[in-house]
Amino acid sequence: MLLLDAGGKDPFWEWQIHILAALAYPMNGTRYNWDYHIEPEPFLGDRIMHCPRGKVYGGSSSGNGMCYIRGNVLDYDRWAKEDESLSHWS
């Protein structure tokens, strides 16, 4: 197994990475974030969205404050209707 990681090591004293409540710092700065932006998205009115990605050992999981985004309930309901094997997803 080979693991390639372009980010550097996060020092033990770096509070911006190690305190979960400080997740806005690594996600919005450039020290621990590659600061990517998506191409204009036609389904979002051609807006360009910020897409933070971790620039540190462990990648994005090191700086996301253990946050996640729950899927839209209407998507799950639609998938359940479209595919019988997903009926328990509704």
PDB file of N, CA and C in Angstrom:
ATOM      1  N   MET A   1       0.840  -1.157   0.000  1.00  0.00           N
ATOM      2  CA  MET A   1       0.000   0.000   0.000  1.00  0.00           C
ATOM      3  C   MET A   1       0.893   1.230   0.000  1.00  0.00           C
ATOM      4  N   LEU A   2       0.506   2.200  -0.797  1.00  0.00           N
ATOM      5  CA  LEU A   2       1.236   3.453  -0.878  1.00  0.00           C
ATOM      6  C   LEU A   2       0.265   4.592  -0.623  1.00  0.00           C
ATOM      7  N   LEU A   3       0.598   5.447   0.306  1.00  0.00           N
ATOM      8  CA  LEU A   3      -0.228   6.607   0.602  1.00  0.00           C
ATOM      9  C   LEU A   3       0.530   7.853   0.177  1.00  0.00           C
ATOM     10  N   LEU A   4      -0.073   8.609  -0.704  1.00  0.00           N
ATOM     11  CA  LEU A   4       0.508   9.873  -1.133  1.00  0.00           C
ATOM     12  C   LEU A   4      -0.326  10.999  -0.548  1.00  0.00           C
ATOM     13  N   ASP A   5       0.330  11.907   0.116  1.00  0.00           N
ATOM     14  CA  ASP A   5      -0.371  13.026   0.728  1.00  0.00           C
ATOM     15  C   ASP A   5       0.457  14.275   0.478  1.00  0.00           C
ATOM     16  N   ALA A   6      -0.134  15.254  -0.178  1.00  0.00           N
ATOM     17  CA  ALA A   6       0.610  16.446  -0.559  1.00  0.00           C
ATOM     18  C   ALA A   6       0.717  17.460   0.563  1.00  0.00           C
ATOM     19  N   GLY A   7      -0.112  17.338   1.563  1.00  0.00           N
ATOM     20  CA  GLY A   7      -0.083  18.303   2.654  1.00  0.00           C
ATOM     21  C   GLY A   7       1.030  18.017   3.634  1.00  0.00           C
ATOM     22  N   GLY A   8       1.332  18.996   4.442  1.00  0.00           N
ATOM     23  CA  GLY A   8       2.356  18.826   5.463  1.00  0.00           C
ATOM     24  C   GLY A   8       1.787  18.310   6.765  1.00  0.00           C
ATOM     25  N   LYS A   9       2.647  18.075   7.714  1.00  0.00           N
ATOM     26  CA  LYS A   9       2.223  17.588   9.028  1.00  0.00           C
ATOM     27  C   LYS A   9       1.637  18.748   9.830  1.00  0.00           C
ATOM     28  N   ASP A  10       0.552  18.462  10.526  1.00  0.00           N
ATOM     29  CA  ASP A  10      -0.026  19.495  11.385  1.00  0.00           C
ATOM     30  C   ASP A  10       0.638  19.404  12.752  1.00  0.00           C
ATOM     31  N   PRO A  11       1.273  20.478  13.204  1.00  0.00           N
ATOM     32  CA  PRO A  11       1.951  20.450  14.497  1.00  0.00           C
ATOM     33  C   PRO A  11       0.957  20.276  15.651  1.00  0.00           C
ATOM     34  N   PHE A  12       1.403  19.660  16.717  1.00  0.00           N
ATOM     35  CA  PHE A  12       0.522  19.379  17.851  1.00  0.00           C
ATOM     36  C   PHE A  12      -0.028  20.650  18.482  1.00  0.00           C
ATOM     37  N   TRP A  13       0.656  21.780  18.328  1.00  0.00           N
ATOM     38  CA  TRP A  13       0.202  23.023  18.940  1.00  0.00           C
ATOM     39  C   TRP A  13      -0.789  23.791  18.052  1.00  0.00           C
ATOM     40  N   GLU A  14      -1.080  23.285  16.874  1.00  0.00           N
ATOM     41  CA  GLU A  14      -1.932  24.024  15.936  1.00  0.00           C
ATOM     42  C   GLU A  14      -3.402  23.903  16.315  1.00  0.00           C
ATOM     43  N   TRP A  15      -3.910  24.869  17.020  1.00  0.00           N
ATOM     44  CA  TRP A  15      -5.281  24.844  17.513  1.00  0.00           C
ATOM     45  C   TRP A  15      -6.294  24.890  16.380  1.00  0.00           C
ATOM     46  N   GLN A  16      -5.935  25.474  15.237  1.00  0.00           N
ATOM     47  CA  GLN A  16      -6.886  25.588  14.137  1.00  0.00           C
ATOM     48  C   GLN A  16      -7.292  24.223  13.583  1.00  0.00           C
ATOM     49  N   ILE A  17      -6.468  23.224  13.761  1.00  0.00           N
ATOM     50  CA  ILE A  17      -6.776  21.878  13.279  1.00  0.00           C
ATOM     51  C   ILE A  17      -7.360  21.021  14.399  1.00  0.00           C
ATOM     52  N   HIS A  18      -6.887  21.191  15.607  1.00  0.00           N
ATOM     53  CA  HIS A  18      -7.219  20.263  16.685  1.00  0.00           C
ATOM     54  C   HIS A  18      -8.440  20.639  17.524  1.00  0.00           C
ATOM     55  N   ILE A  19      -8.951  21.834  17.390  1.00  0.00           N
ATOM     56  CA  ILE A  19     -10.151  22.228  18.131  1.00  0.00           C
ATOM     57  C   ILE A  19     -11.318  22.216  17.145  1.00  0.00           C
ATOM     58  N   LEU A  20     -12.274  21.333  17.375  1.00  0.00           N
ATOM     59  CA  LEU A  20     -13.378  21.157  16.433  1.00  0.00           C
ATOM     60  C   LEU A  20     -14.162  22.437  16.188  1.00  0.00           C
ATOM     61  N   ALA A  21     -14.339  23.246  17.214  1.00  0.00           N
ATOM     62  CA  ALA A  21     -15.115  24.476  17.068  1.00  0.00           C
ATOM     63  C   ALA A  21     -14.413  25.502  16.181  1.00  0.00           C
ATOM     64  N   ALA A  22     -13.154  25.280  15.853  1.00  0.00           N
ATOM     65  CA  ALA A  22     -12.393  26.220  15.036  1.00  0.00           C
ATOM     66  C   ALA A  22     -12.377  25.813  13.562  1.00  0.00           C
ATOM     67  N   LEU A  23     -13.308  24.978  13.139  1.00  0.00           N
ATOM     68  CA  LEU A  23     -13.265  24.442  11.777  1.00  0.00           C
ATOM     69  C   LEU A  23     -13.322  25.515  10.702  1.00  0.00           C
ATOM     70  N   ALA A  24     -13.834  26.686  10.998  1.00  0.00           N
ATOM     71  CA  ALA A  24     -13.888  27.752   9.994  1.00  0.00           C
ATOM     72  C   ALA A  24     -12.488  28.217   9.589  1.00  0.00           C
ATOM     73  N   TYR A  25     -11.519  28.103  10.481  1.00  0.00           N
ATOM     74  CA  TYR A  25     -10.166  28.559  10.159  1.00  0.00           C
ATOM     75  C   TYR A  25      -9.502  27.689   9.091  1.00  0.00           C
ATOM     76  N   PRO A  26      -9.392  26.383   9.274  1.00  0.00           N
ATOM     77  CA  PRO A  26      -8.746  25.595   8.230  1.00  0.00           C
ATOM     78  C   PRO A  26      -9.569  25.516   6.943  1.00  0.00           C
ATOM     79  N   MET A  27     -10.881  25.613   7.046  1.00  0.00           N
ATOM     80  CA  MET A  27     -11.706  25.500   5.847  1.00  0.00           C
ATOM     81  C   MET A  27     -11.727  26.778   5.019  1.00  0.00           C
ATOM     82  N   ASN A  28     -11.411  27.912   5.619  1.00  0.00           N
ATOM     83  CA  ASN A  28     -11.466  29.179   4.896  1.00  0.00           C
ATOM     84  C   ASN A  28     -10.107  29.827   4.679  1.00  0.00           C
ATOM     85  N   GLY A  29      -9.088  29.322   5.327  1.00  0.00           N
ATOM     86  CA  GLY A  29      -7.751  29.856   5.108  1.00  0.00           C
ATOM     87  C   GLY A  29      -7.043  29.077   3.999  1.00  0.00           C
ATOM     88  N   THR A  30      -5.782  29.368   3.791  1.00  0.00           N
ATOM     89  CA  THR A  30      -5.021  28.653   2.761  1.00  0.00           C
ATOM     90  C   THR A  30      -3.863  27.853   3.339  1.00  0.00           C
ATOM     91  N   ARG A  31      -3.629  27.972   4.638  1.00  0.00           N
ATOM     92  CA  ARG A  31      -2.525  27.228   5.246  1.00  0.00           C
ATOM     93  C   ARG A  31      -2.786  25.725   5.233  1.00  0.00           C
ATOM     94  N   TYR A  32      -4.016  25.307   5.529  1.00  0.00           N
ATOM     95  CA  TYR A  32      -4.381  23.894   5.577  1.00  0.00           C
ATOM     96  C   TYR A  32      -5.468  23.549   4.558  1.00  0.00           C
ATOM     97  N   ASN A  33      -5.665  24.388   3.572  1.00  0.00           N
ATOM     98  CA  ASN A  33      -6.746  24.225   2.613  1.00  0.00           C
ATOM     99  C   ASN A  33      -6.228  24.557   1.213  1.00  0.00           C
ATOM    100  N   TRP A  34      -6.539  23.690   0.248  1.00  0.00           N
ATOM    101  CA  TRP A  34      -6.122  23.934  -1.137  1.00  0.00           C
ATOM    102  C   TRP A  34      -6.931  25.057  -1.770  1.00  0.00           C
ATOM    103  N   ASP A  35      -8.026  25.452  -1.149  1.00  0.00           N
ATOM    104  CA  ASP A  35      -8.832  26.596  -1.585  1.00  0.00           C
ATOM    105  C   ASP A  35      -9.363  26.443  -3.013  1.00  0.00           C
ATOM    106  N   TYR A  36      -9.929  25.270  -3.305  1.00  0.00           N
ATOM    107  CA  TYR A  36     -10.495  25.029  -4.627  1.00  0.00           C
ATOM    108  C   TYR A  36     -11.851  25.708  -4.770  1.00  0.00           C
ATOM    109  N   HIS A  37     -12.193  26.003  -6.000  1.00  0.00           N
ATOM    110  CA  HIS A  37     -13.514  26.516  -6.360  1.00  0.00           C
ATOM    111  C   HIS A  37     -13.988  25.724  -7.572  1.00  0.00           C
ATOM    112  N   ILE A  38     -15.274  25.423  -7.618  1.00  0.00           N
ATOM    113  CA  ILE A  38     -15.793  24.647  -8.739  1.00  0.00           C
ATOM    114  C   ILE A  38     -16.014  25.562  -9.941  1.00  0.00           C
ATOM    115  N   GLU A  39     -16.199  24.949 -11.091  1.00  0.00           N
ATOM    116  CA  GLU A  39     -16.544  25.697 -12.293  1.00  0.00           C
ATOM    117  C   GLU A  39     -17.962  26.253 -12.118  1.00  0.00           C
ATOM    118  N   PRO A  40     -18.325  27.270 -12.886  1.00  0.00           N
ATOM    119  CA  PRO A  40     -19.697  27.784 -12.785  1.00  0.00           C
ATOM    120  C   PRO A  40     -20.704  26.638 -12.979  1.00  0.00           C
ATOM    121  N   GLU A  41     -21.606  26.504 -12.035  1.00  0.00           N
ATOM    122  CA  GLU A  41     -22.562  25.389 -12.030  1.00  0.00           C
ATOM    123  C   GLU A  41     -23.910  25.854 -12.577  1.00  0.00           C
ATOM    124  N   PRO A  42     -24.328  25.319 -13.744  1.00  0.00           N
ATOM    125  CA  PRO A  42     -25.579  25.788 -14.347  1.00  0.00           C
ATOM    126  C   PRO A  42     -26.808  25.550 -13.468  1.00  0.00           C
ATOM    127  N   PHE A  43     -26.812  24.491 -12.666  1.00  0.00           N
ATOM    128  CA  PHE A  43     -27.965  24.212 -11.815  1.00  0.00           C
ATOM    129  C   PHE A  43     -27.972  25.064 -10.549  1.00  0.00           C
ATOM    130  N   LEU A  44     -26.948  25.873 -10.377  1.00  0.00           N
ATOM    131  CA  LEU A  44     -26.882  26.803  -9.244  1.00  0.00           C
ATOM    132  C   LEU A  44     -26.845  28.244  -9.731  1.00  0.00           C
ATOM    133  N   GLY A  45     -27.403  28.478 -10.900  1.00  0.00           N
ATOM    134  CA  GLY A  45     -27.415  29.835 -11.443  1.00  0.00           C
ATOM    135  C   GLY A  45     -26.025  30.303 -11.841  1.00  0.00           C
ATOM    136  N   ASP A  46     -25.178  29.369 -12.298  1.00  0.00           N
ATOM    137  CA  ASP A  46     -23.796  29.659 -12.713  1.00  0.00           C
ATOM    138  C   ASP A  46     -22.925  30.214 -11.590  1.00  0.00           C
ATOM    139  N   ARG A  47     -23.308  29.917 -10.348  1.00  0.00           N
ATOM    140  CA  ARG A  47     -22.478  30.349  -9.223  1.00  0.00           C
ATOM    141  C   ARG A  47     -21.213  29.505  -9.155  1.00  0.00           C
ATOM    142  N   ILE A  48     -20.191  30.076  -8.602  1.00  0.00           N
ATOM    143  CA  ILE A  48     -18.925  29.377  -8.367  1.00  0.00           C
ATOM    144  C   ILE A  48     -18.842  29.138  -6.863  1.00  0.00           C
ATOM    145  N   MET A  49     -18.845  27.873  -6.479  1.00  0.00           N
ATOM    146  CA  MET A  49     -18.872  27.509  -5.067  1.00  0.00           C
ATOM    147  C   MET A  49     -17.463  27.219  -4.547  1.00  0.00           C
ATOM    148  N   HIS A  50     -17.237  27.557  -3.303  1.00  0.00           N
ATOM    149  CA  HIS A  50     -15.988  27.250  -2.614  1.00  0.00           C
ATOM    150  C   HIS A  50     -15.996  25.777  -2.245  1.00  0.00           C
ATOM    151  N   CYS A  51     -14.903  25.090  -2.489  1.00  0.00           N
ATOM    152  CA  CYS A  51     -14.824  23.656  -2.199  1.00  0.00           C
ATOM    153  C   CYS A  51     -13.547  23.387  -1.405  1.00  0.00           C
ATOM    154  N   PRO A  52     -13.575  23.598  -0.088  1.00  0.00           N
ATOM    155  CA  PRO A  52     -12.364  23.418   0.711  1.00  0.00           C
ATOM    156  C   PRO A  52     -11.915  21.959   0.739  1.00  0.00           C
ATOM    157  N   ARG A  53     -10.624  21.739   0.565  1.00  0.00           N
ATOM    158  CA  ARG A  53     -10.019  20.410   0.608  1.00  0.00           C
ATOM    159  C   ARG A  53      -8.757  20.508   1.457  1.00  0.00           C
ATOM    160  N   GLY A  54      -8.556  19.541   2.323  1.00  0.00           N
ATOM    161  CA  GLY A  54      -7.464  19.582   3.290  1.00  0.00           C
ATOM    162  C   GLY A  54      -6.075  19.499   2.678  1.00  0.00           C
ATOM    163  N   LYS A  55      -5.206  20.396   3.096  1.00  0.00           N
ATOM    164  CA  LYS A  55      -3.806  20.423   2.671  1.00  0.00           C
ATOM    165  C   LYS A  55      -2.936  20.114   3.888  1.00  0.00           C
ATOM    166  N   VAL A  56      -3.088  18.895   4.413  1.00  0.00           N
ATOM    167  CA  VAL A  56      -2.384  18.470   5.614  1.00  0.00           C
ATOM    168  C   VAL A  56      -2.461  16.948   5.656  1.00  0.00           C
ATOM    169  N   TYR A  57      -1.560  16.290   6.385  1.00  0.00           N
ATOM    170  CA  TYR A  57      -1.665  14.837   6.525  1.00  0.00           C
ATOM    171  C   TYR A  57      -3.071  14.486   7.003  1.00  0.00           C
ATOM    172  N   GLY A  58      -3.677  13.550   6.359  1.00  0.00           N
ATOM    173  CA  GLY A  58      -5.047  13.189   6.695  1.00  0.00           C
ATOM    174  C   GLY A  58      -6.062  13.858   5.796  1.00  0.00           C
ATOM    175  N   GLY A  59      -5.606  14.789   4.971  1.00  0.00           N
ATOM    176  CA  GLY A  59      -6.492  15.439   4.015  1.00  0.00           C
ATOM    177  C   GLY A  59      -7.617  16.210   4.671  1.00  0.00           C
ATOM    178  N   SER A  60      -8.757  16.195   4.025  1.00  0.00           N
ATOM    179  CA  SER A  60      -9.891  16.997   4.475  1.00  0.00           C
ATOM    180  C   SER A  60     -10.432  16.552   5.819  1.00  0.00           C
ATOM    181  N   SER A  61     -10.272  15.298   6.161  1.00  0.00           N
ATOM    182  CA  SER A  61     -10.793  14.834   7.451  1.00  0.00           C
ATOM    183  C   SER A  61     -10.044  15.462   8.622  1.00  0.00           C
ATOM    184  N   SER A  62      -8.874  16.008   8.392  1.00  0.00           N
ATOM    185  CA  SER A  62      -8.131  16.667   9.474  1.00  0.00           C
ATOM    186  C   SER A  62      -8.678  18.048   9.797  1.00  0.00           C
ATOM    187  N   GLY A  63      -9.376  18.674   8.872  1.00  0.00           N
ATOM    188  CA  GLY A  63      -9.807  20.043   9.112  1.00  0.00           C
ATOM    189  C   GLY A  63     -11.284  20.291   8.948  1.00  0.00           C
ATOM    190  N   ASN A  64     -12.090  19.255   8.891  1.00  0.00           N
ATOM    191  CA  ASN A  64     -13.513  19.494   8.644  1.00  0.00           C
ATOM    192  C   ASN A  64     -14.347  19.530   9.916  1.00  0.00           C
ATOM    193  N   GLY A  65     -13.751  19.434  11.077  1.00  0.00           N
ATOM    194  CA  GLY A  65     -14.490  19.513  12.329  1.00  0.00           C
ATOM    195  C   GLY A  65     -15.519  18.404  12.486  1.00  0.00           C
ATOM    196  N   MET A  66     -15.303  17.292  11.837  1.00  0.00           N
ATOM    197  CA  MET A  66     -16.209  16.139  11.860  1.00  0.00           C
ATOM    198  C   MET A  66     -17.620  16.518  11.412  1.00  0.00           C
ATOM    199  N   CYS A  67     -17.719  17.470  10.483  1.00  0.00           N
ATOM    200  CA  CYS A  67     -19.013  17.885   9.949  1.00  0.00           C
ATOM    201  C   CYS A  67     -19.393  17.003   8.776  1.00  0.00           C
ATOM    202  N   TYR A  68     -20.671  16.909   8.542  1.00  0.00           N
ATOM    203  CA  TYR A  68     -21.157  16.179   7.377  1.00  0.00           C
ATOM    204  C   TYR A  68     -22.416  16.875   6.884  1.00  0.00           C
ATOM    205  N   ILE A  69     -22.805  16.539   5.678  1.00  0.00           N
ATOM    206  CA  ILE A  69     -24.013  17.114   5.101  1.00  0.00           C
ATOM    207  C   ILE A  69     -24.997  15.983   4.871  1.00  0.00           C
ATOM    208  N   ARG A  70     -26.145  16.113   5.458  1.00  0.00           N
ATOM    209  CA  ARG A  70     -27.192  15.110   5.280  1.00  0.00           C
ATOM    210  C   ARG A  70     -27.853  15.341   3.928  1.00  0.00           C
ATOM    211  N   GLY A  71     -28.129  14.252   3.215  1.00  0.00           N
ATOM    212  CA  GLY A  71     -28.794  14.347   1.924  1.00  0.00           C
ATOM    213  C   GLY A  71     -30.220  14.865   2.057  1.00  0.00           C
ATOM    214  N   ASN A  72     -30.729  15.426   0.987  1.00  0.00           N
ATOM    215  CA  ASN A  72     -32.091  15.934   0.957  1.00  0.00           C
ATOM    216  C   ASN A  72     -33.074  14.767   1.000  1.00  0.00           C
ATOM    217  N   VAL A  73     -34.039  14.819   1.892  1.00  0.00           N
ATOM    218  CA  VAL A  73     -34.996  13.732   2.072  1.00  0.00           C
ATOM    219  C   VAL A  73     -35.781  13.452   0.791  1.00  0.00           C
ATOM    220  N   LEU A  74     -36.044  14.464  -0.001  1.00  0.00           N
ATOM    221  CA  LEU A  74     -36.785  14.254  -1.253  1.00  0.00           C
ATOM    222  C   LEU A  74     -35.984  13.422  -2.253  1.00  0.00           C
ATOM    223  N   ASP A  75     -34.662  13.557  -2.230  1.00  0.00           N
ATOM    224  CA  ASP A  75     -33.827  12.712  -3.096  1.00  0.00           C
ATOM    225  C   ASP A  75     -33.968  11.252  -2.712  1.00  0.00           C
ATOM    226  N   TYR A  76     -33.916  10.951  -1.428  1.00  0.00           N
ATOM    227  CA  TYR A  76     -34.040   9.565  -0.972  1.00  0.00           C
ATOM    228  C   TYR A  76     -35.409   8.998  -1.337  1.00  0.00           C
ATOM    229  N   ASP A  77     -36.449   9.796  -1.179  1.00  0.00           N
ATOM    230  CA  ASP A  77     -37.791   9.341  -1.536  1.00  0.00           C
ATOM    231  C   ASP A  77     -37.889   9.045  -3.035  1.00  0.00           C
ATOM    232  N   ARG A  78     -37.308   9.915  -3.843  1.00  0.00           N
ATOM    233  CA  ARG A  78     -37.347   9.710  -5.296  1.00  0.00           C
ATOM    234  C   ARG A  78     -36.578   8.454  -5.685  1.00  0.00           C
ATOM    235  N   TRP A  79     -35.407   8.244  -5.097  1.00  0.00           N
ATOM    236  CA  TRP A  79     -34.628   7.044  -5.422  1.00  0.00           C
ATOM    237  C   TRP A  79     -35.390   5.786  -5.025  1.00  0.00           C
ATOM    238  N   ALA A  80     -36.086   5.826  -3.897  1.00  0.00           N
ATOM    239  CA  ALA A  80     -36.861   4.675  -3.434  1.00  0.00           C
ATOM    240  C   ALA A  80     -37.988   4.351  -4.409  1.00  0.00           C
ATOM    241  N   LYS A  81     -38.600   5.377  -4.989  1.00  0.00           N
ATOM    242  CA  LYS A  81     -39.669   5.150  -5.969  1.00  0.00           C
ATOM    243  C   LYS A  81     -39.124   4.610  -7.286  1.00  0.00           C
ATOM    244  N   GLU A  82     -37.924   5.055  -7.661  1.00  0.00           N
ATOM    245  CA  GLU A  82     -37.357   4.674  -8.954  1.00  0.00           C
ATOM    246  C   GLU A  82     -36.740   3.283  -8.953  1.00  0.00           C
ATOM    247  N   ASP A  83     -36.356   2.769  -7.810  1.00  0.00           N
ATOM    248  CA  ASP A  83     -35.656   1.483  -7.738  1.00  0.00           C
ATOM    249  C   ASP A  83     -36.211   0.674  -6.564  1.00  0.00           C
ATOM    250  N   GLU A  84     -36.797  -0.469  -6.861  1.00  0.00           N
ATOM    251  CA  GLU A  84     -37.411  -1.294  -5.808  1.00  0.00           C
ATOM    252  C   GLU A  84     -36.435  -1.710  -4.726  1.00  0.00           C
ATOM    253  N   SER A  85     -35.175  -1.916  -5.112  1.00  0.00           N
ATOM    254  CA  SER A  85     -34.191  -2.369  -4.123  1.00  0.00           C
ATOM    255  C   SER A  85     -33.874  -1.280  -3.097  1.00  0.00           C
ATOM    256  N   LEU A  86     -34.320  -0.049  -3.366  1.00  0.00           N
ATOM    257  CA  LEU A  86     -34.064   1.075  -2.450  1.00  0.00           C
ATOM    258  C   LEU A  86     -35.315   1.503  -1.698  1.00  0.00           C
ATOM    259  N   SER A  87     -36.336   0.654  -1.675  1.00  0.00           N
ATOM    260  CA  SER A  87     -37.604   1.044  -1.059  1.00  0.00           C
ATOM    261  C   SER A  87     -37.442   1.411   0.411  1.00  0.00           C
ATOM    262  N   HIS A  88     -36.476   0.820   1.105  1.00  0.00           N
ATOM    263  CA  HIS A  88     -36.246   1.137   2.528  1.00  0.00           C
ATOM    264  C   HIS A  88     -35.585   2.509   2.714  1.00  0.00           C
ATOM    265  N   TRP A  89     -35.219   3.175   1.629  1.00  0.00           N
ATOM    266  CA  TRP A  89     -34.587   4.487   1.736  1.00  0.00           C
ATOM    267  C   TRP A  89     -35.600   5.621   1.876  1.00  0.00           C
ATOM    268  N   SER A  90     -36.851   5.361   1.677  1.00  0.00           N
ATOM    269  CA  SER A  90     -37.838   6.442   1.683  1.00  0.00           C
ATOM    270  C   SER A  90     -38.087   6.928   3.119  1.00  0.00           C
TER     271      SER A  90
END
